[in-house]
């Protein structure tokens, strides 16, 4: 049996993000509005929304969402906990 990735604490349907049609290009005001929503979702204080959850909800690639967050100056979280004691190290 292969391990599965952990499920998010809330379904991605709870995120207030638009689903973008495949191959639809966002430009101008539409891209700016989309970017603001993505950054707001990622920086939600009471829940750690992952880039992959945003990808699933918006139908955008990981690279596209990562680029939007980088362009907006959002601080991206790492994979590991900041506290090394949580890693189970002696």
N, C-alpha and C. Protein backbone atom coordinates (compact mmCIF):
# COMPACT_ATOMS: atom_id res chain seq x y z
N UNK A 1 0.84 -1.18 0.00
CA UNK A 1 0.00 0.00 0.00
C UNK A 1 0.89 1.24 0.00
N UNK A 2 0.64 2.18 -0.87
CA UNK A 2 1.43 3.40 -0.95
C UNK A 2 0.81 4.47 -0.07
N UNK A 3 1.65 5.27 0.60
CA UNK A 3 1.10 6.34 1.42
C UNK A 3 0.47 7.42 0.55
N UNK A 4 -0.61 7.95 1.03
CA UNK A 4 -1.29 9.02 0.30
C UNK A 4 -0.96 10.35 0.95
N UNK A 5 -1.03 11.41 0.17
CA UNK A 5 -0.78 12.73 0.73
C UNK A 5 -1.92 13.07 1.68
N UNK A 6 -1.63 13.84 2.73
CA UNK A 6 -2.67 14.19 3.68
C UNK A 6 -3.75 15.05 3.04
N UNK A 7 -4.96 14.84 3.47
CA UNK A 7 -6.07 15.63 2.96
C UNK A 7 -6.07 16.99 3.62
N UNK A 8 -6.46 18.05 2.91
CA UNK A 8 -6.53 19.36 3.53
C UNK A 8 -7.58 19.37 4.63
N UNK A 9 -7.41 20.29 5.59
CA UNK A 9 -8.33 20.35 6.71
C UNK A 9 -9.73 20.77 6.27
N UNK A 10 -9.81 21.58 5.26
CA UNK A 10 -11.09 22.00 4.69
C UNK A 10 -11.06 21.69 3.20
N UNK A 11 -12.19 21.31 2.61
CA UNK A 11 -12.17 21.07 1.17
C UNK A 11 -11.83 22.34 0.40
N UNK A 12 -11.16 22.16 -0.74
CA UNK A 12 -10.78 23.34 -1.53
C UNK A 12 -12.00 24.11 -2.02
N UNK A 13 -13.17 23.50 -1.97
CA UNK A 13 -14.40 24.19 -2.34
C UNK A 13 -14.73 25.34 -1.41
N UNK A 14 -14.11 25.34 -0.21
CA UNK A 14 -14.35 26.42 0.75
C UNK A 14 -13.53 27.66 0.42
N UNK A 15 -12.61 27.55 -0.51
CA UNK A 15 -11.81 28.71 -0.90
C UNK A 15 -12.61 29.58 -1.85
N UNK A 16 -12.53 30.88 -1.67
CA UNK A 16 -13.25 31.81 -2.53
C UNK A 16 -12.37 32.18 -3.72
N UNK A 17 -12.19 31.21 -4.61
CA UNK A 17 -11.35 31.40 -5.79
C UNK A 17 -12.11 30.98 -7.04
N UNK A 18 -11.93 31.71 -8.13
CA UNK A 18 -12.62 31.33 -9.37
C UNK A 18 -11.95 30.16 -10.06
N UNK A 19 -12.73 29.36 -10.75
CA UNK A 19 -12.21 28.27 -11.58
C UNK A 19 -12.02 28.85 -12.98
N UNK A 20 -10.80 28.83 -13.46
CA UNK A 20 -10.47 29.41 -14.77
C UNK A 20 -10.49 28.30 -15.82
N UNK A 21 -11.12 28.57 -16.94
CA UNK A 21 -11.17 27.58 -18.02
C UNK A 21 -9.77 27.28 -18.52
N UNK A 22 -9.56 26.05 -18.97
CA UNK A 22 -8.27 25.66 -19.52
C UNK A 22 -7.91 26.55 -20.71
N UNK A 23 -6.65 26.91 -20.77
CA UNK A 23 -6.09 27.73 -21.84
C UNK A 23 -6.63 29.16 -21.89
N UNK A 24 -7.37 29.57 -20.87
CA UNK A 24 -7.85 30.96 -20.84
C UNK A 24 -6.74 31.85 -20.29
N UNK A 25 -6.38 32.88 -21.04
CA UNK A 25 -5.32 33.78 -20.63
C UNK A 25 -5.92 34.93 -19.84
N UNK A 26 -5.32 35.21 -18.70
CA UNK A 26 -5.76 36.32 -17.87
C UNK A 26 -4.84 37.51 -18.11
N UNK A 27 -5.41 38.65 -18.42
CA UNK A 27 -4.62 39.85 -18.64
C UNK A 27 -5.29 41.03 -17.96
N UNK A 28 -4.52 42.06 -17.75
CA UNK A 28 -5.04 43.32 -17.24
C UNK A 28 -5.74 43.22 -15.90
N UNK A 29 -6.92 43.81 -15.83
CA UNK A 29 -7.69 43.87 -14.59
C UNK A 29 -8.11 42.49 -14.11
N UNK A 30 -8.41 41.58 -15.03
CA UNK A 30 -8.81 40.23 -14.64
C UNK A 30 -7.65 39.51 -13.95
N UNK A 31 -6.44 39.67 -14.47
CA UNK A 31 -5.27 39.04 -13.85
C UNK A 31 -4.99 39.66 -12.49
N UNK A 32 -5.13 40.96 -12.39
CA UNK A 32 -4.89 41.66 -11.12
C UNK A 32 -5.88 41.20 -10.05
N UNK A 33 -7.15 41.09 -10.42
CA UNK A 33 -8.18 40.63 -9.46
C UNK A 33 -7.92 39.18 -9.05
N UNK A 34 -7.56 38.34 -10.03
CA UNK A 34 -7.25 36.95 -9.74
C UNK A 34 -6.05 36.85 -8.80
N UNK A 35 -5.03 37.64 -9.07
CA UNK A 35 -3.82 37.63 -8.24
C UNK A 35 -4.14 38.01 -6.80
N UNK A 36 -4.96 39.02 -6.61
CA UNK A 36 -5.33 39.46 -5.26
C UNK A 36 -6.06 38.35 -4.50
N UNK A 37 -6.93 37.64 -5.19
CA UNK A 37 -7.67 36.54 -4.56
C UNK A 37 -6.74 35.38 -4.20
N UNK A 38 -5.81 35.08 -5.09
CA UNK A 38 -4.87 33.98 -4.83
C UNK A 38 -3.99 34.32 -3.62
N UNK A 39 -3.46 35.53 -3.58
CA UNK A 39 -2.60 35.93 -2.47
C UNK A 39 -3.38 35.94 -1.16
N UNK A 40 -4.60 36.45 -1.20
CA UNK A 40 -5.43 36.47 0.01
C UNK A 40 -5.71 35.05 0.51
N UNK A 41 -5.99 34.13 -0.40
CA UNK A 41 -6.26 32.74 0.00
C UNK A 41 -5.01 32.11 0.60
N UNK A 42 -3.85 32.36 -0.02
CA UNK A 42 -2.60 31.76 0.45
C UNK A 42 -2.20 32.31 1.82
N UNK A 43 -2.51 33.56 2.08
CA UNK A 43 -2.12 34.20 3.33
C UNK A 43 -3.24 34.19 4.38
N UNK A 44 -4.22 33.31 4.22
CA UNK A 44 -5.30 33.20 5.19
C UNK A 44 -4.72 32.89 6.55
N UNK A 45 -5.00 33.73 7.57
CA UNK A 45 -4.35 33.54 8.86
C UNK A 45 -4.80 32.29 9.64
N UNK A 46 -6.04 31.90 9.53
CA UNK A 46 -6.55 30.79 10.34
C UNK A 46 -6.38 29.43 9.68
N UNK A 47 -5.81 29.39 8.48
CA UNK A 47 -5.65 28.12 7.76
C UNK A 47 -4.49 28.23 6.79
N UNK A 48 -3.68 27.20 6.73
CA UNK A 48 -2.56 27.18 5.80
C UNK A 48 -3.00 26.54 4.50
N UNK A 49 -3.38 27.36 3.56
CA UNK A 49 -3.79 26.88 2.23
C UNK A 49 -2.52 26.64 1.43
N UNK A 50 -2.44 25.49 0.78
CA UNK A 50 -1.25 25.16 0.00
C UNK A 50 -1.39 25.65 -1.44
N UNK A 51 -0.27 25.76 -2.10
CA UNK A 51 -0.28 26.14 -3.51
C UNK A 51 -1.04 25.09 -4.31
N UNK A 52 -0.88 23.83 -3.95
CA UNK A 52 -1.57 22.76 -4.67
C UNK A 52 -3.09 22.84 -4.50
N UNK A 53 -3.56 23.25 -3.33
CA UNK A 53 -5.00 23.44 -3.14
C UNK A 53 -5.52 24.57 -4.03
N UNK A 54 -4.74 25.63 -4.13
CA UNK A 54 -5.12 26.76 -4.99
C UNK A 54 -5.15 26.30 -6.45
N UNK A 55 -4.17 25.50 -6.84
CA UNK A 55 -4.12 24.95 -8.21
C UNK A 55 -5.38 24.14 -8.51
N UNK A 56 -5.75 23.28 -7.59
CA UNK A 56 -6.92 22.43 -7.79
C UNK A 56 -8.19 23.25 -7.93
N UNK A 57 -8.32 24.27 -7.14
CA UNK A 57 -9.54 25.09 -7.15
C UNK A 57 -9.62 25.97 -8.40
N UNK A 58 -8.48 26.53 -8.83
CA UNK A 58 -8.48 27.50 -9.92
C UNK A 58 -8.22 26.92 -11.29
N UNK A 59 -7.77 25.66 -11.35
CA UNK A 59 -7.43 25.02 -12.62
C UNK A 59 -6.19 25.66 -13.26
N UNK A 60 -5.30 26.16 -12.42
CA UNK A 60 -4.05 26.73 -12.89
C UNK A 60 -2.90 25.85 -12.43
N UNK A 61 -1.78 25.90 -13.14
CA UNK A 61 -0.64 25.07 -12.81
C UNK A 61 0.07 25.58 -11.55
N UNK A 62 0.87 24.68 -10.97
CA UNK A 62 1.67 25.04 -9.79
C UNK A 62 2.58 26.22 -10.14
N UNK A 63 3.21 26.17 -11.30
CA UNK A 63 4.12 27.23 -11.72
C UNK A 63 3.42 28.57 -11.87
N UNK A 64 2.20 28.55 -12.40
CA UNK A 64 1.45 29.80 -12.57
C UNK A 64 1.11 30.43 -11.22
N UNK A 65 0.67 29.60 -10.28
CA UNK A 65 0.32 30.12 -8.95
C UNK A 65 1.57 30.59 -8.22
N UNK A 66 2.64 29.83 -8.35
CA UNK A 66 3.91 30.22 -7.72
C UNK A 66 4.38 31.56 -8.26
N UNK A 67 4.27 31.75 -9.57
CA UNK A 67 4.68 33.02 -10.20
C UNK A 67 3.83 34.19 -9.70
N UNK A 68 2.54 33.96 -9.57
CA UNK A 68 1.65 35.02 -9.07
C UNK A 68 2.04 35.41 -7.65
N UNK A 69 2.29 34.41 -6.80
CA UNK A 69 2.67 34.70 -5.41
C UNK A 69 4.02 35.42 -5.35
N UNK A 70 4.96 35.00 -6.18
CA UNK A 70 6.28 35.64 -6.21
C UNK A 70 6.17 37.09 -6.68
N UNK A 71 5.40 37.32 -7.74
CA UNK A 71 5.23 38.68 -8.27
C UNK A 71 4.56 39.60 -7.25
N UNK A 72 3.69 39.03 -6.43
CA UNK A 72 2.99 39.82 -5.42
C UNK A 72 3.83 40.03 -4.17
N UNK A 73 4.97 39.35 -4.09
CA UNK A 73 5.84 39.50 -2.93
C UNK A 73 5.39 38.69 -1.72
N UNK A 74 4.55 37.70 -1.94
CA UNK A 74 4.06 36.87 -0.84
C UNK A 74 5.20 35.99 -0.32
N UNK A 75 5.28 35.86 0.98
CA UNK A 75 6.28 34.99 1.59
C UNK A 75 5.77 33.56 1.51
N UNK A 76 6.53 32.73 0.82
CA UNK A 76 6.11 31.34 0.65
C UNK A 76 6.62 30.51 1.81
N UNK A 77 5.80 29.55 2.22
CA UNK A 77 6.15 28.67 3.33
C UNK A 77 7.00 27.51 2.82
N UNK A 78 7.85 27.01 3.67
CA UNK A 78 8.68 25.86 3.33
C UNK A 78 7.91 24.56 3.52
N UNK A 79 8.57 23.46 3.17
CA UNK A 79 7.96 22.15 3.32
C UNK A 79 7.99 21.66 4.76
N UNK A 80 9.00 22.04 5.52
CA UNK A 80 9.21 21.50 6.86
C UNK A 80 8.78 22.50 7.91
N UNK A 81 8.47 22.01 9.11
CA UNK A 81 8.13 22.92 10.20
C UNK A 81 9.35 23.77 10.57
N UNK A 82 9.10 24.97 11.02
CA UNK A 82 10.17 25.88 11.40
C UNK A 82 10.89 25.37 12.65
N UNK A 83 10.20 24.64 13.49
CA UNK A 83 10.76 24.11 14.72
C UNK A 83 11.35 22.72 14.46
N UNK A 84 12.67 22.55 14.51
CA UNK A 84 13.28 21.26 14.21
C UNK A 84 12.85 20.15 15.16
N UNK A 85 12.41 20.49 16.35
CA UNK A 85 11.97 19.45 17.29
C UNK A 85 10.72 18.73 16.79
N UNK A 86 9.99 19.34 15.88
CA UNK A 86 8.80 18.71 15.34
C UNK A 86 9.12 17.67 14.27
N UNK A 87 10.38 17.61 13.86
CA UNK A 87 10.79 16.65 12.85
C UNK A 87 11.05 15.27 13.44
N UNK A 88 11.07 15.18 14.75
CA UNK A 88 11.31 13.90 15.39
C UNK A 88 12.79 13.60 15.56
N UNK A 89 13.64 14.61 15.39
CA UNK A 89 15.07 14.43 15.55
C UNK A 89 15.40 14.34 17.04
N UNK A 90 16.43 13.59 17.39
CA UNK A 90 16.79 13.46 18.82
C UNK A 90 17.33 14.74 19.40
